[in-house]
Amino acid sequence: MNPVTPNGARAYPWSHRTRTLVVIALSCLLSLSAPLGRSATAQEATPTATITEAGVLETTPSTLACAAVGNAPAPTAAASEATETPATTLTIVSEESEARYRSQEELAGQGANEAVGKTNAMIGQILFDAAGMPLACSRFDVDLRTLTSDEARRDNYLYNNTLETQQYPLATFVLTEVQGLTAPLADGEETTFFLIGNLTVHGVTKLVAWEATVTLDDDTLKGSASTTFDMPDFNIEPPVIGPVVSLDETVKLEVDITAERVA
């Protein structure tokens, strides 16, 4: 991507220029507010092996009959895939949510350093069936063009070279399965489990497991999740520029999410 000023994915009290770019981003993304139709339950989707830690899985990414988001194509599903209409939809509150990457690097004259980039430009929906269990096709999308760290040179290199965000502006996660959650979320209780699904970054889709901890409080869900991947998993070339002497190819992804029930 060209080194432009990062911008959000929803309209907030930002500058006129930012709000204009937000409208453009939303026009591509925000059909999430429309009904998603029928979705496979996360428990009924084709199961993977038992997950013990977060990260990229060797299993081929699943295909589900999920609705398209904006101009993005909808995943294709086998005709036999089980489907179910969402009974409850929680929509991500972007201004109260955040996506981050963490990468370890060594800088000349400084030594070890952790590079952290983050953004609030994140939208999505979490779907539940009538029994209160998560549904496959729950998803979130992150605008990678808005990632910022403490170093503008790093950000611009990521936009233009590493992530090539002009061509691949979004990171998308689509849920296919949940492990470790055997009953509906209990109101006010913190629960930890694994979210498994298709993560698309830099034009590559991998099946990935996230370790998530969430709390449901009436109509609001708050939670965090994390996973890791190696840059070659998504055909990403490690950026070594300027003062960066070396870089760990393992990247940690984190999301903090607040989602509220759709009226």
Protein backbone atom coordinates (compact mmCIF):
# COMPACT_ATOMS: atom_id res chain seq x y z
CA MET A 1 0.00 0.00 0.00
CA ASN A 2 1.06 3.58 -0.49
CA PRO A 3 2.16 5.18 2.79
CA VAL A 4 -1.09 6.89 3.56
CA THR A 5 -2.52 8.04 6.87
CA PRO A 6 -4.12 4.98 8.57
CA ASN A 7 -7.88 5.14 8.73
CA GLY A 8 -10.66 3.35 10.56
CA ALA A 9 -13.41 1.06 9.40
CA ARG A 10 -16.36 2.83 10.99
CA ALA A 11 -17.39 6.45 11.44
CA TYR A 12 -15.98 7.84 14.68
CA PRO A 13 -15.18 11.41 15.83
CA TRP A 14 -12.09 11.57 13.64
CA SER A 15 -10.91 13.99 10.94
CA HIS A 16 -12.94 14.70 7.79
CA ARG A 17 -10.39 12.81 5.70
CA THR A 18 -10.55 9.79 7.98
CA ARG A 19 -14.35 9.77 7.93
CA THR A 20 -14.32 9.86 4.12
CA LEU A 21 -11.99 6.86 3.91
CA VAL A 22 -14.07 5.04 6.50
CA VAL A 23 -17.14 5.34 4.29
CA ILE A 24 -15.20 3.80 1.41
CA ALA A 25 -14.03 0.91 3.60
CA LEU A 26 -17.51 0.30 4.95
CA SER A 27 -19.02 0.18 1.49
CA CYS A 28 -16.84 -2.87 0.88
CA LEU A 29 -17.30 -4.48 4.26
CA LEU A 30 -20.51 -3.68 6.03
CA SER A 31 -23.07 -5.96 4.47
CA LEU A 32 -22.55 -7.70 7.81
CA SER A 33 -25.48 -5.65 9.03
CA ALA A 34 -27.73 -7.56 6.63
CA PRO A 35 -29.13 -10.99 7.57
CA LEU A 36 -26.57 -13.74 7.13
CA GLY A 37 -29.07 -16.38 6.19
CA ARG A 38 -28.28 -19.94 7.19
CA SER A 39 -25.02 -21.00 8.80
CA ALA A 40 -23.58 -24.30 9.90
CA THR A 41 -23.29 -24.75 13.65
CA ALA A 42 -19.72 -24.61 14.86
CA GLN A 43 -20.23 -27.92 16.61
CA GLU A 44 -21.65 -29.63 13.51
CA ALA A 45 -19.04 -28.43 11.03
CA THR A 46 -16.49 -31.04 9.94
CA PRO A 47 -14.40 -31.49 13.11
CA THR A 48 -10.64 -31.22 13.31
CA ALA A 49 -8.41 -33.20 15.67
CA THR A 50 -8.47 -32.16 19.31
CA ILE A 51 -6.68 -28.83 19.71
CA THR A 52 -4.22 -28.30 22.58
CA GLU A 53 -2.65 -24.99 21.56
CA ALA A 54 -3.28 -22.03 19.30
CA GLY A 55 -1.64 -21.73 15.90
CA VAL A 56 -1.86 -22.74 12.25
CA LEU A 57 -3.24 -26.25 11.71
CA GLU A 58 -2.14 -28.70 9.05
CA THR A 59 -5.76 -29.48 8.17
CA THR A 60 -7.10 -28.08 4.90
CA PRO A 61 -9.34 -25.02 5.48
CA SER A 62 -13.04 -25.84 5.70
CA THR A 63 -15.69 -24.57 3.29
CA LEU A 64 -19.03 -23.31 4.58
CA ALA A 65 -22.14 -21.67 3.13
CA CYS A 66 -21.47 -18.26 4.66
CA ALA A 67 -22.94 -15.03 3.35
CA ALA A 68 -20.68 -12.66 1.47
CA VAL A 69 -19.35 -9.54 3.18
CA GLY A 70 -19.50 -6.51 0.94
CA ASN A 71 -17.70 -7.31 -2.32
CA ALA A 72 -15.89 -10.30 -0.85
CA PRO A 73 -17.02 -13.65 -2.28
CA ALA A 74 -18.84 -16.03 0.01
CA PRO A 75 -17.11 -19.34 0.80
CA THR A 76 -18.51 -22.31 -1.10
CA ALA A 77 -19.96 -25.22 0.88
CA ALA A 78 -20.70 -28.81 0.09
CA ALA A 79 -24.38 -29.44 -0.50
CA SER A 80 -24.53 -31.79 2.49
CA GLU A 81 -23.19 -29.22 4.98
CA ALA A 82 -25.49 -28.79 7.97
CA THR A 83 -26.98 -25.31 8.28
CA GLU A 84 -28.92 -23.42 10.89
CA THR A 85 -30.44 -19.97 11.09
CA PRO A 86 -28.82 -17.74 13.76
CA ALA A 87 -31.12 -17.13 16.72
CA THR A 88 -28.91 -14.40 18.19
CA THR A 89 -26.47 -12.02 16.54
CA LEU A 90 -23.86 -9.99 18.41
CA THR A 91 -22.18 -7.25 16.41
CA ILE A 92 -18.60 -6.17 17.14
CA VAL A 93 -18.31 -2.65 18.55
CA SER A 94 -15.26 -1.38 16.69
CA GLU A 95 -14.39 1.52 18.98
CA GLU A 96 -14.28 -0.89 21.93
CA SER A 97 -12.36 -3.62 20.09
CA GLU A 98 -8.76 -3.95 18.90
CA ALA A 99 -6.60 -6.22 16.75
CA ARG A 100 -2.82 -6.41 17.27
CA TYR A 101 0.28 -8.12 16.00
CA ARG A 102 3.41 -8.74 18.05
CA SER A 103 6.78 -9.60 16.54
CA GLN A 104 10.21 -9.90 18.12
CA GLU A 105 13.05 -8.05 16.41
CA GLU A 106 16.64 -7.06 17.07
CA LEU A 107 17.59 -3.45 16.41
CA ALA A 108 21.10 -2.17 15.74
CA GLY A 109 22.44 -0.35 18.77
CA GLN A 110 19.40 -1.25 20.85
CA GLY A 111 19.10 -5.03 20.97
CA ALA A 112 15.90 -7.01 21.41
CA ASN A 113 12.64 -5.19 20.80
CA GLU A 114 8.99 -6.13 20.45
CA ALA A 115 7.21 -4.55 17.50
CA VAL A 116 3.50 -4.04 18.17
CA GLY A 117 0.99 -2.79 15.64
CA LYS A 118 -2.69 -2.29 16.35
CA THR A 119 -5.97 -1.02 14.96
CA ASN A 120 -9.62 -0.53 15.92
CA ALA A 121 -10.73 -0.89 12.29
CA MET A 122 -12.45 -4.18 12.97
CA ILE A 123 -15.99 -5.30 12.19
CA GLY A 124 -17.84 -8.59 12.44
CA GLN A 125 -20.61 -10.64 13.94
CA ILE A 126 -20.82 -13.51 16.41
CA LEU A 127 -23.73 -15.85 15.77
CA PHE A 128 -25.50 -18.19 18.21
CA ASP A 129 -28.12 -20.89 17.73
CA ALA A 130 -31.32 -21.19 19.75
CA ALA A 131 -29.50 -23.19 22.43
CA GLY A 132 -26.90 -20.43 22.88
CA MET A 133 -24.02 -22.23 21.15
CA PRO A 134 -21.74 -20.41 18.67
CA LEU A 135 -22.47 -20.87 14.98
CA ALA A 136 -19.99 -21.36 12.20
CA CYS A 137 -19.77 -18.35 9.86
CA SER A 138 -19.27 -16.03 12.81
CA ARG A 139 -16.48 -13.78 11.57
CA PHE A 140 -14.43 -10.64 11.88
CA ASP A 141 -12.57 -8.50 9.34
CA VAL A 142 -9.62 -6.24 10.12
CA ASP A 143 -8.46 -3.41 7.86
CA LEU A 144 -4.70 -3.94 7.73
CA ARG A 145 -4.21 -0.54 6.09
CA THR A 146 -4.89 1.04 9.46
CA LEU A 147 -2.30 -0.85 11.53
CA THR A 148 0.01 1.52 13.35
CA SER A 149 3.02 0.96 15.58
CA ASP A 150 5.50 3.31 17.26
CA GLU A 151 7.56 3.57 14.07
CA ALA A 152 6.13 5.11 10.87
CA ARG A 153 8.89 3.62 8.72
CA ARG A 154 7.94 0.14 9.90
CA ASP A 155 4.28 0.80 9.18
CA ASN A 156 4.91 2.10 5.67
CA TYR A 157 7.14 -0.86 4.83
CA LEU A 158 4.44 -3.25 6.07
CA TYR A 159 1.81 -1.49 3.95
CA ASN A 160 3.89 -1.39 0.77
CA ASN A 161 5.99 -4.56 0.94
CA THR A 162 5.35 -7.05 3.73
CA LEU A 163 1.54 -7.17 3.75
CA GLU A 164 0.99 -5.46 0.38
CA THR A 165 -2.17 -3.95 1.77
CA GLN A 166 -3.12 -2.16 -1.44
CA GLN A 167 -3.72 -5.61 -2.94
CA TYR A 168 -4.67 -7.45 0.26
CA PRO A 169 -6.30 -4.84 2.54
CA LEU A 170 -8.13 -7.19 4.91
CA ALA A 171 -7.44 -9.99 7.34
CA THR A 172 -10.53 -12.15 7.72
CA PHE A 173 -11.37 -14.91 10.19
CA VAL A 174 -14.40 -17.15 9.63
CA LEU A 175 -15.34 -19.58 12.40
CA THR A 176 -15.83 -23.22 11.46
CA GLU A 177 -15.61 -25.02 14.79
CA VAL A 178 -15.41 -24.52 18.56
CA GLN A 179 -13.58 -26.88 20.92
CA GLY A 180 -13.69 -26.90 24.70
CA LEU A 181 -17.12 -25.29 24.97
CA THR A 182 -19.66 -27.97 25.88
CA ALA A 183 -22.48 -25.73 27.12
CA PRO A 184 -23.79 -22.24 26.38
CA LEU A 185 -21.90 -19.31 27.89
CA ALA A 186 -23.10 -18.70 31.44
CA ASP A 187 -23.99 -15.09 32.14
CA GLY A 188 -21.21 -13.31 34.03
CA GLU A 189 -18.79 -16.27 33.96
CA GLU A 190 -15.40 -16.17 32.21
CA THR A 191 -14.96 -19.12 29.84
CA THR A 192 -11.89 -20.28 27.92
CA PHE A 193 -12.03 -22.41 24.76
CA PHE A 194 -10.62 -22.70 21.23
CA LEU A 195 -11.99 -21.01 18.14
CA ILE A 196 -11.09 -22.82 14.91
CA GLY A 197 -11.61 -21.39 11.48
CA ASN A 198 -10.28 -19.97 8.25
CA LEU A 199 -7.84 -17.07 8.57
CA THR A 200 -7.11 -15.22 5.33
CA VAL A 201 -4.09 -12.91 5.24
CA HIS A 202 -2.06 -11.74 2.24
CA GLY A 203 -4.25 -13.73 -0.13
CA VAL A 204 -3.62 -17.04 1.66
CA THR A 205 -6.17 -18.97 3.74
CA LYS A 206 -5.14 -21.31 6.54
CA LEU A 207 -7.08 -23.21 9.18
CA VAL A 208 -6.09 -21.60 12.47
CA ALA A 209 -6.91 -22.16 16.15
CA TRP A 210 -7.27 -19.23 18.56
CA GLU A 211 -7.32 -19.56 22.33
CA ALA A 212 -10.19 -17.38 23.51
CA THR A 213 -11.41 -16.19 26.90
CA VAL A 214 -14.83 -14.53 26.92
CA THR A 215 -17.51 -13.30 29.30
CA LEU A 216 -21.16 -12.81 28.40
CA ASP A 217 -22.93 -10.14 30.43
CA ASP A 218 -26.59 -9.84 29.46
CA ASP A 219 -26.50 -8.69 25.82
CA THR A 220 -22.78 -7.85 25.72
CA LEU A 221 -19.88 -10.20 25.07
CA LYS A 222 -16.33 -9.18 25.95
CA GLY A 223 -13.35 -11.35 25.24
CA SER A 224 -9.83 -11.77 23.95
CA ALA A 225 -8.22 -14.34 21.69
CA SER A 226 -4.71 -15.01 20.42
CA THR A 227 -2.93 -17.21 17.93
CA THR A 228 0.47 -17.43 16.23
CA PHE A 229 1.72 -18.05 12.73
CA ASP A 230 5.02 -18.10 10.87
CA MET A 231 5.35 -15.51 8.12
CA PRO A 232 5.97 -18.13 5.38
CA ASP A 233 2.58 -19.69 6.25
CA PHE A 234 0.95 -16.72 4.50
CA ASN A 235 3.68 -16.09 1.91
CA ILE A 236 4.90 -13.09 3.89
CA GLU A 237 8.54 -12.12 3.47
CA PRO A 238 10.11 -11.00 6.77
CA PRO A 239 10.81 -7.26 6.70
CA VAL A 240 14.40 -6.44 7.57
CA ILE A 241 15.02 -2.75 6.92
CA GLY A 242 16.73 0.23 8.51
CA PRO A 243 17.87 -0.53 12.05
CA VAL A 244 16.35 -4.06 12.05
CA VAL A 245 19.20 -6.56 12.27
CA SER A 246 17.05 -9.68 12.55
CA LEU A 247 13.41 -10.61 12.97
CA ASP A 248 11.62 -13.60 14.45
CA GLU A 249 9.37 -15.03 11.73
CA THR A 250 6.77 -16.07 14.31
CA VAL A 251 4.02 -13.49 14.72
CA LYS A 252 1.47 -13.37 17.52
CA LEU A 253 -2.00 -12.10 16.69
CA GLU A 254 -4.32 -10.81 19.41
CA VAL A 255 -7.85 -9.48 19.36
CA ASP A 256 -9.88 -7.83 22.10
CA ILE A 257 -13.56 -7.85 21.20
CA THR A 258 -16.67 -6.22 22.55
CA ALA A 259 -19.87 -7.33 20.80
CA GLU A 260 -23.46 -6.37 21.50
CA ARG A 261 -26.81 -7.88 20.61
CA VAL A 262 -28.46 -6.53 17.48
CA ALA A 263 -31.78 -4.89 18.35
